[in-house]
Amino acid sequence: MSQDPPILIAKLVISVQADGTLHVTGNVENYEYAVAMLDGAKDAIKQHCTTTPKAKVIVPAPYTQFQNLI
């Protein structure tokens, strides 16, 4: 028996352009829900990074203002 695919109810897309501009698109009209989604995503990333060997990701410094977070 096949399962139905999950139904997408909300989506956020975070993009960083070469000039360092950060863009968030998607369901951002509901502030509380959008922030909860971001918190959940942050927790999932933290969990992934603690259970998976770190890959070396290189973002050239002139292209992002977030390089000190890496």
Protein backbone atom coordinates (compact mmCIF):
# COMPACT_ATOMS: atom_id res chain seq x y z
CA MET A 1 0.00 0.00 0.00
CA SER A 2 1.45 3.36 -0.98
CA GLN A 3 1.42 6.35 1.30
CA ASP A 4 0.23 9.75 0.18
CA PRO A 5 3.01 12.32 -0.02
CA PRO A 6 3.06 14.86 2.81
CA ILE A 7 1.01 17.99 2.22
CA LEU A 8 3.07 21.19 2.13
CA ILE A 9 1.46 23.80 4.38
CA ALA A 10 4.21 26.40 4.69
CA LYS A 11 7.60 27.13 3.18
CA LEU A 12 10.47 29.53 3.87
CA VAL A 13 13.42 30.00 1.54
CA ILE A 14 16.56 31.75 2.81
CA SER A 15 19.01 33.03 0.22
CA VAL A 16 22.24 35.00 0.46
CA GLN A 17 23.39 36.90 -2.59
CA ALA A 18 27.02 37.61 -3.49
CA ASP A 19 26.80 41.11 -2.03
CA GLY A 20 25.76 39.67 1.35
CA THR A 21 22.09 40.56 1.04
CA LEU A 22 19.90 38.09 2.91
CA HIS A 23 16.45 37.32 1.50
CA VAL A 24 13.65 35.36 3.13
CA THR A 25 10.64 34.45 1.03
CA GLY A 26 7.61 32.32 1.66
CA ASN A 27 5.05 32.33 4.46
CA VAL A 28 6.43 35.31 6.37
CA GLU A 29 3.11 37.11 6.94
CA ASN A 30 2.53 35.23 10.19
CA TYR A 31 5.49 36.41 12.28
CA GLU A 32 5.13 33.93 15.14
CA TYR A 33 4.77 30.95 12.82
CA ALA A 34 7.67 32.04 10.59
CA VAL A 35 9.96 32.48 13.62
CA ALA A 36 8.87 29.08 14.97
CA MET A 37 9.74 27.53 11.59
CA LEU A 38 13.18 29.20 11.66
CA ASP A 39 13.77 28.00 15.24
CA GLY A 40 12.83 24.46 14.21
CA ALA A 41 15.15 24.66 11.21
CA LYS A 42 17.98 25.94 13.42
CA ASP A 43 17.46 23.03 15.82
CA ALA A 44 17.44 20.53 12.93
CA ILE A 45 20.69 21.98 11.58
CA LYS A 46 22.32 21.83 15.01
CA GLN A 47 21.24 18.20 15.38
CA HIS A 48 22.53 17.34 11.91
CA CYS A 49 25.87 19.03 12.60
CA THR A 50 26.36 17.16 15.87
CA THR A 51 25.65 13.74 14.34
CA THR A 52 27.34 14.15 10.95
CA PRO A 53 31.05 14.68 10.29
CA LYS A 54 31.66 18.32 9.41
CA ALA A 55 32.16 19.09 5.77
CA LYS A 56 34.40 21.99 4.86
CA VAL A 57 32.14 24.64 3.37
CA ILE A 58 33.97 27.57 1.90
CA VAL A 59 32.17 30.88 1.40
CA PRO A 60 34.58 33.55 0.18
CA ALA A 61 34.69 36.36 2.77
CA PRO A 62 33.88 39.20 0.33
CA TYR A 63 30.63 37.48 -0.58
CA THR A 64 28.95 37.35 2.79
CA GLN A 65 28.67 39.31 6.00
CA PHE A 66 28.06 36.04 7.82
CA GLN A 67 31.56 34.59 7.36
CA ASN A 68 32.34 35.03 11.07
CA LEU A 69 29.54 32.57 11.88
CA ILE A 70 31.15 29.73 9.94
